[in-house]
PDB file of all heavy atoms in Angstrom:
ATOM      1  N   SER A   1      96.251  78.009 101.382  1.00  0.00           N
ATOM      2  CA  SER A   1      96.873  76.768 101.838  1.00  0.00           C
ATOM      3  C   SER A   1      96.675  76.663 103.339  1.00  0.00           C
ATOM      4  O   SER A   1      96.278  77.635 103.988  1.00  0.00           O
ATOM      5  CB  SER A   1      98.369  76.747 101.484  1.00  0.00           C
ATOM      6  OG  SER A   1      99.053  77.815 102.109  1.00  0.00           O
ATOM      7  N   ARG A   2      96.958  75.491 103.872  1.00  0.00           N
ATOM      8  CA  ARG A   2      96.795  75.325 105.307  1.00  0.00           C
ATOM      9  C   ARG A   2      97.849  74.369 105.844  1.00  0.00           C
ATOM     10  O   ARG A   2      98.350  73.504 105.123  1.00  0.00           O
ATOM     11  CB  ARG A   2      95.397  74.844 105.671  1.00  0.00           C
ATOM     12  CG  ARG A   2      95.039  73.471 105.180  1.00  0.00           C
ATOM     13  CD  ARG A   2      93.563  73.139 105.444  1.00  0.00           C
ATOM     14  NE  ARG A   2      93.280  72.964 106.867  1.00  0.00           N
ATOM     15  CZ  ARG A   2      92.062  72.812 107.368  1.00  0.00           C
ATOM     16  NH1 ARG A   2      91.007  72.835 106.567  1.00  0.00           N
ATOM     17  NH2 ARG A   2      91.893  72.639 108.670  1.00  0.00           N
ATOM     18  N   ASP A   3      98.149  74.560 107.125  1.00  0.00           N
ATOM     19  CA  ASP A   3      99.050  73.672 107.857  1.00  0.00           C
ATOM     20  C   ASP A   3      98.221  73.098 109.001  1.00  0.00           C
ATOM     21  O   ASP A   3      97.986  73.774 110.007  1.00  0.00           O
ATOM     22  CB  ASP A   3     100.253  74.458 108.372  1.00  0.00           C
ATOM     23  CG  ASP A   3     101.279  73.573 109.054  1.00  0.00           C
ATOM     24  OD1 ASP A   3     100.906  72.496 109.574  1.00  0.00           O
ATOM     25  OD2 ASP A   3     102.455  73.951 109.091  1.00  0.00           O
ATOM     26  N   ASN A   4      97.751  71.871 108.829  1.00  0.00           N
ATOM     27  CA  ASN A   4      96.860  71.277 109.827  1.00  0.00           C
ATOM     28  C   ASN A   4      97.548  71.093 111.179  1.00  0.00           C
ATOM     29  O   ASN A   4      96.908  71.156 112.223  1.00  0.00           O
ATOM     30  CB  ASN A   4      96.325  69.938 109.313  1.00  0.00           C
ATOM     31  CG  ASN A   4      95.317  70.115 108.193  1.00  0.00           C
ATOM     32  OD1 ASN A   4      94.529  71.054 108.188  1.00  0.00           O
ATOM     33  ND2 ASN A   4      95.349  69.201 107.233  1.00  0.00           N
ATOM     34  N   ALA A   5      98.837  70.852 111.166  1.00  0.00           N
ATOM     35  CA  ALA A   5      99.565  70.664 112.422  1.00  0.00           C
ATOM     36  C   ALA A   5      99.611  71.946 113.248  1.00  0.00           C
ATOM     37  O   ALA A   5      99.736  71.903 114.473  1.00  0.00           O
ATOM     38  CB  ALA A   5     100.977  70.179 112.129  1.00  0.00           C
ATOM     39  N   LYS A   6      99.501  73.080 112.553  1.00  0.00           N
ATOM     40  CA  LYS A   6      99.566  74.372 113.233  1.00  0.00           C
ATOM     41  C   LYS A   6      98.209  75.064 113.296  1.00  0.00           C
ATOM     42  O   LYS A   6      98.126  76.202 113.776  1.00  0.00           O
ATOM     43  CB  LYS A   6     100.570  75.292 112.517  1.00  0.00           C
ATOM     44  CG  LYS A   6     101.996  74.790 112.541  1.00  0.00           C
ATOM     45  CD  LYS A   6     102.929  75.761 111.831  1.00  0.00           C
ATOM     46  CE  LYS A   6     104.366  75.283 111.878  1.00  0.00           C
ATOM     47  NZ  LYS A   6     105.290  76.219 111.169  1.00  0.00           N
ATOM     48  N   ASN A   7      97.165  74.380 112.805  1.00  0.00           N
ATOM     49  CA  ASN A   7      95.817  74.983 112.775  1.00  0.00           C
ATOM     50  C   ASN A   7      95.859  76.367 112.118  1.00  0.00           C
ATOM     51  O   ASN A   7      95.241  77.325 112.604  1.00  0.00           O
ATOM     52  CB  ASN A   7      95.237  75.105 114.189  1.00  0.00           C
ATOM     53  CG  ASN A   7      95.004  73.773 114.849  1.00  0.00           C
ATOM     54  OD1 ASN A   7      94.846  72.751 114.169  1.00  0.00           O
ATOM     55  ND2 ASN A   7      95.004  73.750 116.162  1.00  0.00           N
ATOM     56  N   THR A   8      96.574  76.450 111.023  1.00  0.00           N
ATOM     57  CA  THR A   8      96.814  77.737 110.367  1.00  0.00           C
ATOM     58  C   THR A   8      96.424  77.660 108.896  1.00  0.00           C
ATOM     59  O   THR A   8      96.697  76.666 108.225  1.00  0.00           O
ATOM     60  CB  THR A   8      98.290  78.131 110.497  1.00  0.00           C
ATOM     61  OG1 THR A   8      98.631  78.241 111.881  1.00  0.00           O
ATOM     62  CG2 THR A   8      98.555  79.475 109.820  1.00  0.00           C
ATOM     63  N   VAL A   9      95.796  78.728 108.424  1.00  0.00           N
ATOM     64  CA  VAL A   9      95.473  78.869 107.013  1.00  0.00           C
ATOM     65  C   VAL A   9      96.168  80.123 106.497  1.00  0.00           C
ATOM     66  O   VAL A   9      96.301  81.114 107.220  1.00  0.00           O
ATOM     67  CB  VAL A   9      93.946  78.926 106.777  1.00  0.00           C
ATOM     68  CG1 VAL A   9      93.327  80.146 107.435  1.00  0.00           C
ATOM     69  CG2 VAL A   9      93.617  78.887 105.298  1.00  0.00           C
ATOM     70  N   TYR A  10      96.627  80.037 105.261  1.00  0.00           N
ATOM     71  CA  TYR A  10      97.348  81.145 104.642  1.00  0.00           C
ATOM     72  C   TYR A  10      96.630  81.600 103.375  1.00  0.00           C
ATOM     73  O   TYR A  10      95.911  80.831 102.744  1.00  0.00           O
ATOM     74  CB  TYR A  10      98.772  80.711 104.262  1.00  0.00           C
ATOM     75  CG  TYR A  10      99.565  80.142 105.397  1.00  0.00           C
ATOM     76  CD1 TYR A  10      99.668  78.763 105.579  1.00  0.00           C
ATOM     77  CD2 TYR A  10     100.241  80.971 106.284  1.00  0.00           C
ATOM     78  CE1 TYR A  10     100.409  78.225 106.622  1.00  0.00           C
ATOM     79  CE2 TYR A  10     100.986  80.442 107.327  1.00  0.00           C
ATOM     80  CZ  TYR A  10     101.063  79.079 107.488  1.00  0.00           C
ATOM     81  OH  TYR A  10     101.802  78.556 108.529  1.00  0.00           O
ATOM     82  N   LEU A  11      96.865  82.860 103.016  1.00  0.00           N
ATOM     83  CA  LEU A  11      96.413  83.362 101.737  1.00  0.00           C
ATOM     84  C   LEU A  11      97.573  84.127 101.114  1.00  0.00           C
ATOM     85  O   LEU A  11      97.921  85.223 101.565  1.00  0.00           O
ATOM     86  CB  LEU A  11      95.189  84.267 101.875  1.00  0.00           C
ATOM     87  CG  LEU A  11      94.569  84.711 100.556  1.00  0.00           C
ATOM     88  CD1 LEU A  11      93.946  83.503  99.825  1.00  0.00           C
ATOM     89  CD2 LEU A  11      93.517  85.797 100.772  1.00  0.00           C
ATOM     90  N   GLN A  12      98.185  83.522 100.099  1.00  0.00           N
ATOM     91  CA  GLN A  12      99.251  84.184  99.363  1.00  0.00           C
ATOM     92  C   GLN A  12      98.621  84.993  98.251  1.00  0.00           C
ATOM     93  O   GLN A  12      97.915  84.430  97.405  1.00  0.00           O
ATOM     94  CB  GLN A  12     100.232  83.167  98.783  1.00  0.00           C
ATOM     95  CG  GLN A  12     101.335  83.781  97.949  1.00  0.00           C
ATOM     96  CD  GLN A  12     102.309  84.599  98.777  1.00  0.00           C
ATOM     97  OE1 GLN A  12     102.863  84.115  99.753  1.00  0.00           O
ATOM     98  NE2 GLN A  12     102.523  85.849  98.373  1.00  0.00           N
ATOM     99  N   MET A  13      98.854  86.283  98.250  1.00  0.00           N
ATOM    100  CA  MET A  13      98.246  87.180  97.266  1.00  0.00           C
ATOM    101  C   MET A  13      99.338  87.811  96.410  1.00  0.00           C
ATOM    102  O   MET A  13     100.261  88.433  96.949  1.00  0.00           O
ATOM    103  CB  MET A  13      97.439  88.269  97.984  1.00  0.00           C
ATOM    104  CG  MET A  13      96.397  87.722  98.932  1.00  0.00           C
ATOM    105  SD  MET A  13      95.367  88.999  99.681  1.00  0.00           S
ATOM    106  CE  MET A  13      96.574  89.827 100.700  1.00  0.00           C
ATOM    107  N   LYS A  14      99.228  87.650  95.092  1.00  0.00           N
ATOM    108  CA  LYS A  14     100.190  88.208  94.153  1.00  0.00           C
ATOM    109  C   LYS A  14      99.453  89.074  93.145  1.00  0.00           C
ATOM    110  O   LYS A  14      98.240  88.991  92.993  1.00  0.00           O
ATOM    111  CB  LYS A  14     100.943  87.089  93.449  1.00  0.00           C
ATOM    112  CG  LYS A  14     101.746  86.190  94.366  1.00  0.00           C
ATOM    113  CD  LYS A  14     102.470  85.095  93.587  1.00  0.00           C
ATOM    114  CE  LYS A  14     103.278  84.210  94.526  1.00  0.00           C
ATOM    115  NZ  LYS A  14     103.976  83.124  93.788  1.00  0.00           N
ATOM    116  N   SER A  15     100.223  89.898  92.436  1.00  0.00           N
ATOM    117  CA  SER A  15      99.638  90.776  91.402  1.00  0.00           C
ATOM    118  C   SER A  15      98.440  91.541  91.954  1.00  0.00           C
ATOM    119  O   SER A  15      97.379  91.604  91.321  1.00  0.00           O
ATOM    120  CB  SER A  15      99.238  89.954  90.174  1.00  0.00           C
ATOM    121  OG  SER A  15     100.341  89.257  89.645  1.00  0.00           O
ATOM    122  N   LEU A  16      98.616  92.100  93.114  1.00  0.00           N
ATOM    123  CA  LEU A  16      97.512  92.781  93.789  1.00  0.00           C
ATOM    124  C   LEU A  16      97.053  93.999  93.009  1.00  0.00           C
ATOM    125  O   LEU A  16      97.859  94.700  92.379  1.00  0.00           O
ATOM    126  CB  LEU A  16      97.920  93.167  95.205  1.00  0.00           C
ATOM    127  CG  LEU A  16      97.903  91.998  96.205  1.00  0.00           C
ATOM    128  CD1 LEU A  16      98.732  92.319  97.428  1.00  0.00           C
ATOM    129  CD2 LEU A  16      96.470  91.655  96.594  1.00  0.00           C
ATOM    130  N   LYS A  17      95.748  94.227  93.075  1.00  0.00           N
ATOM    131  CA  LYS A  17      95.111  95.338  92.371  1.00  0.00           C
ATOM    132  C   LYS A  17      94.415  96.242  93.385  1.00  0.00           C
ATOM    133  O   LYS A  17      94.054  95.793  94.480  1.00  0.00           O
ATOM    134  CB  LYS A  17      94.073  94.795  91.394  1.00  0.00           C
ATOM    135  CG  LYS A  17      94.596  93.780  90.397  1.00  0.00           C
ATOM    136  CD  LYS A  17      93.464  93.217  89.557  1.00  0.00           C
ATOM    137  CE  LYS A  17      93.973  92.183  88.568  1.00  0.00           C
ATOM    138  NZ  LYS A  17      92.871  91.621  87.738  1.00  0.00           N
ATOM    139  N   PRO A  18      94.211  97.499  93.023  1.00  0.00           N
ATOM    140  CA  PRO A  18      93.502  98.397  93.954  1.00  0.00           C
ATOM    141  C   PRO A  18      92.146  97.837  94.384  1.00  0.00           C
ATOM    142  O   PRO A  18      91.720  98.058  95.528  1.00  0.00           O
ATOM    143  CB  PRO A  18      93.348  99.678  93.134  1.00  0.00           C
ATOM    144  CG  PRO A  18      94.541  99.675  92.226  1.00  0.00           C
ATOM    145  CD  PRO A  18      94.734  98.231  91.854  1.00  0.00           C
ATOM    146  N   GLU A  19      91.489  97.111  93.502  1.00  0.00           N
ATOM    147  CA  GLU A  19      90.181  96.554  93.852  1.00  0.00           C
ATOM    148  C   GLU A  19      90.263  95.395  94.849  1.00  0.00           C
ATOM    149  O   GLU A  19      89.234  94.898  95.313  1.00  0.00           O
ATOM    150  CB  GLU A  19      89.420  96.101  92.599  1.00  0.00           C
ATOM    151  CG  GLU A  19      90.213  95.204  91.665  1.00  0.00           C
ATOM    152  CD  GLU A  19      90.850  95.978  90.529  1.00  0.00           C
ATOM    153  OE1 GLU A  19      91.408  97.080  90.779  1.00  0.00           O
ATOM    154  OE2 GLU A  19      90.800  95.469  89.379  1.00  0.00           O
ATOM    155  N   ASP A  20      91.467  94.965  95.185  1.00  0.00           N
ATOM    156  CA  ASP A  20      91.634  93.961  96.239  1.00  0.00           C
ATOM    157  C   ASP A  20      91.633  94.598  97.626  1.00  0.00           C
ATOM    158  O   ASP A  20      91.649  93.888  98.638  1.00  0.00           O
ATOM    159  CB  ASP A  20      92.942  93.189  96.053  1.00  0.00           C
ATOM    160  CG  ASP A  20      92.955  92.346  94.792  1.00  0.00           C
ATOM    161  OD1 ASP A  20      91.935  91.684  94.513  1.00  0.00           O
ATOM    162  OD2 ASP A  20      94.000  92.340  94.100  1.00  0.00           O
ATOM    163  N   THR A  21      91.640  95.916  97.664  1.00  0.00           N
ATOM    164  CA  THR A  21      91.627  96.618  98.943  1.00  0.00           C
ATOM    165  C   THR A  21      90.370  96.274  99.731  1.00  0.00           C
ATOM    166  O   THR A  21      89.249  96.407  99.228  1.00  0.00           O
ATOM    167  CB  THR A  21      91.697  98.134  98.722  1.00  0.00           C
ATOM    168  OG1 THR A  21      92.966  98.461  98.134  1.00  0.00           O
ATOM    169  CG2 THR A  21      91.546  98.899 100.040  1.00  0.00           C
ATOM    170  N   ALA A  22      90.549  95.818 100.965  1.00  0.00           N
ATOM    171  CA  ALA A  22      89.426  95.382 101.792  1.00  0.00           C
ATOM    172  C   ALA A  22      89.955  94.957 103.156  1.00  0.00           C
ATOM    173  O   ALA A  22      91.169  94.806 103.345  1.00  0.00           O
ATOM    174  CB  ALA A  22      88.690  94.219 101.142  1.00  0.00           C
ATOM    175  N   VAL A  23      89.039  94.727 104.074  1.00  0.00           N
ATOM    176  CA  VAL A  23      89.373  94.018 105.302  1.00  0.00           C
ATOM    177  C   VAL A  23      89.185  92.534 105.010  1.00  0.00           C
ATOM    178  O   VAL A  23      88.126  92.121 104.532  1.00  0.00           O
ATOM    179  CB  VAL A  23      88.485  94.454 106.477  1.00  0.00           C
ATOM    180  CG1 VAL A  23      88.836  93.643 107.722  1.00  0.00           C
ATOM    181  CG2 VAL A  23      88.648  95.949 106.751  1.00  0.00           C
ATOM    182  N   TYR A  24      90.212  91.771 105.276  1.00  0.00           N
ATOM    183  CA  TYR A  24      90.188  90.333 105.022  1.00  0.00           C
ATOM    184  C   TYR A  24      89.941  89.584 106.336  1.00  0.00           C
ATOM    185  O   TYR A  24      90.631  89.822 107.333  1.00  0.00           O
ATOM    186  CB  TYR A  24      91.492  89.885 104.390  1.00  0.00           C
ATOM    187  CG  TYR A  24      91.587  90.248 102.928  1.00  0.00           C
ATOM    188  CD1 TYR A  24      91.725  91.576 102.526  1.00  0.00           C
ATOM    189  CD2 TYR A  24      91.509  89.276 101.938  1.00  0.00           C
ATOM    190  CE1 TYR A  24      91.783  91.926 101.185  1.00  0.00           C
ATOM    191  CE2 TYR A  24      91.573  89.607 100.592  1.00  0.00           C
ATOM    192  CZ  TYR A  24      91.713  90.938 100.224  1.00  0.00           C
ATOM    193  OH  TYR A  24      91.752  91.277  98.889  1.00  0.00           O
ATOM    194  N   TYR A  25      88.961  88.686 106.296  1.00  0.00           N
ATOM    195  CA  TYR A  25      88.573  87.920 107.470  1.00  0.00           C
ATOM    196  C   TYR A  25      88.829  86.435 107.249  1.00  0.00           C
ATOM    197  O   TYR A  25      88.555  85.905 106.164  1.00  0.00           O
ATOM    198  CB  TYR A  25      87.084  88.115 107.769  1.00  0.00           C
ATOM    199  CG  TYR A  25      86.688  89.521 108.108  1.00  0.00           C
ATOM    200  CD1 TYR A  25      86.291  90.406 107.117  1.00  0.00           C
ATOM    201  CD2 TYR A  25      86.693  89.968 109.434  1.00  0.00           C
ATOM    202  CE1 TYR A  25      85.907  91.704 107.420  1.00  0.00           C
ATOM    203  CE2 TYR A  25      86.316  91.258 109.751  1.00  0.00           C
ATOM    204  CZ  TYR A  25      85.922  92.121 108.739  1.00  0.00           C
ATOM    205  OH  TYR A  25      85.538  93.409 109.051  1.00  0.00           O
ATOM    206  N   CYS A  26      89.283  85.806 108.286  1.00  0.00           N
ATOM    207  CA  CYS A  26      89.441  84.354 108.291  1.00  0.00           C
ATOM    208  C   CYS A  26      88.196  83.735 108.904  1.00  0.00           C
ATOM    209  O   CYS A  26      87.718  84.202 109.946  1.00  0.00           O
ATOM    210  CB  CYS A  26      90.682  84.003 109.105  1.00  0.00           C
ATOM    211  SG  CYS A  26      90.916  82.261 109.438  1.00  0.00           S
ATOM    212  N   GLY A  27      87.663  82.714 108.260  1.00  0.00           N
ATOM    213  CA  GLY A  27      86.525  81.992 108.782  1.00  0.00           C
ATOM    214  C   GLY A  27      86.834  80.510 108.876  1.00  0.00           C
ATOM    215  O   GLY A  27      87.714  80.003 108.168  1.00  0.00           O
ATOM    216  N   ALA A  28      86.098  79.815 109.738  1.00  0.00           N
ATOM    217  CA  ALA A  28      86.325  78.377 109.906  1.00  0.00           C
ATOM    218  C   ALA A  28      85.058  77.712 110.403  1.00  0.00           C
ATOM    219  O   ALA A  28      84.252  78.338 111.105  1.00  0.00           O
ATOM    220  CB  ALA A  28      87.474  78.133 110.879  1.00  0.00           C
ATOM    221  N   GLY A  29      84.882  76.440 110.040  1.00  0.00           N
ATOM    222  CA  GLY A  29      83.713  75.720 110.505  1.00  0.00           C
ATOM    223  C   GLY A  29      83.524  74.408 109.780  1.00  0.00           C
ATOM    224  O   GLY A  29      84.375  73.972 109.011  1.00  0.00           O
ATOM    225  N   SER A  30      82.364  73.791 110.016  1.00  0.00           N
ATOM    226  CA  SER A  30      82.073  72.480 109.455  1.00  0.00           C
ATOM    227  C   SER A  30      81.559  72.554 108.028  1.00  0.00           C
ATOM    228  O   SER A  30      81.677  71.581 107.281  1.00  0.00           O
ATOM    229  CB  SER A  30      81.043  71.761 110.330  1.00  0.00           C
ATOM    230  OG  SER A  30      81.539  71.577 111.639  1.00  0.00           O
ATOM    231  N   VAL A  31      80.967  73.686 107.665  1.00  0.00           N
ATOM    232  CA  VAL A  31      80.374  73.834 106.344  1.00  0.00           C
ATOM    233  C   VAL A  31      80.990  75.033 105.628  1.00  0.00           C
ATOM    234  O   VAL A  31      80.952  76.161 106.150  1.00  0.00           O
ATOM    235  CB  VAL A  31      78.846  74.022 106.433  1.00  0.00           C
ATOM    236  CG1 VAL A  31      78.244  74.162 105.039  1.00  0.00           C
ATOM    237  CG2 VAL A  31      78.206  72.853 107.179  1.00  0.00           C
ATOM    238  N   ILE A  32      81.534  74.783 104.462  1.00  0.00           N
ATOM    239  CA  ILE A  32      82.105  75.886 103.684  1.00  0.00           C
ATOM    240  C   ILE A  32      81.006  76.879 103.336  1.00  0.00           C
ATOM    241  O   ILE A  32      79.936  76.516 102.881  1.00  0.00           O
ATOM    242  CB  ILE A  32      82.782  75.347 102.411  1.00  0.00           C
ATOM    243  CG1 ILE A  32      84.099  74.654 102.777  1.00  0.00           C
ATOM    244  CG2 ILE A  32      83.049  76.481 101.412  1.00  0.00           C
ATOM    245  CD1 ILE A  32      84.858  74.095 101.595  1.00  0.00           C
ATOM    246  N   GLY A  33      81.311  78.158 103.530  1.00  0.00           N
ATOM    247  CA  GLY A  33      80.351  79.205 103.224  1.00  0.00           C
ATOM    248  C   GLY A  33      79.412  79.525 104.362  1.00  0.00           C
ATOM    249  O   GLY A  33      78.665  80.503 104.297  1.00  0.00           O
ATOM    250  N   ARG A  34      79.442  78.689 105.399  1.00  0.00           N
ATOM    251  CA  ARG A  34      78.599  78.930 106.581  1.00  0.00           C
ATOM    252  C   ARG A  34      79.446  78.758 107.821  1.00  0.00           C
ATOM    253  O   ARG A  34      79.156  77.938 108.697  1.00  0.00           O
ATOM    254  CB  ARG A  34      77.414  77.964 106.584  1.00  0.00           C
ATOM    255  CG  ARG A  34      76.435  78.217 105.454  1.00  0.00           C
ATOM    256  CD  ARG A  34      75.458  77.065 105.286  1.00  0.00           C
ATOM    257  NE  ARG A  34      74.690  76.805 106.500  1.00  0.00           N
ATOM    258  CZ  ARG A  34      73.856  75.782 106.631  1.00  0.00           C
ATOM    259  NH1 ARG A  34      73.686  74.943 105.638  1.00  0.00           N
ATOM    260  NH2 ARG A  34      73.180  75.613 107.752  1.00  0.00           N
TER     261      ARG A  34
END
C-alpha cells in the first residue's frame, strides 16, 4: 500500500515463512520493474 501524501510505501507481511528470509529493498521510478 502507499500513502501519496507522505511519499511512503508499505509492505504488510503475514503468515511469514522461512523462505521469506531476505534483504528487502524499496524501489521507485517511472516504470514498474525498472
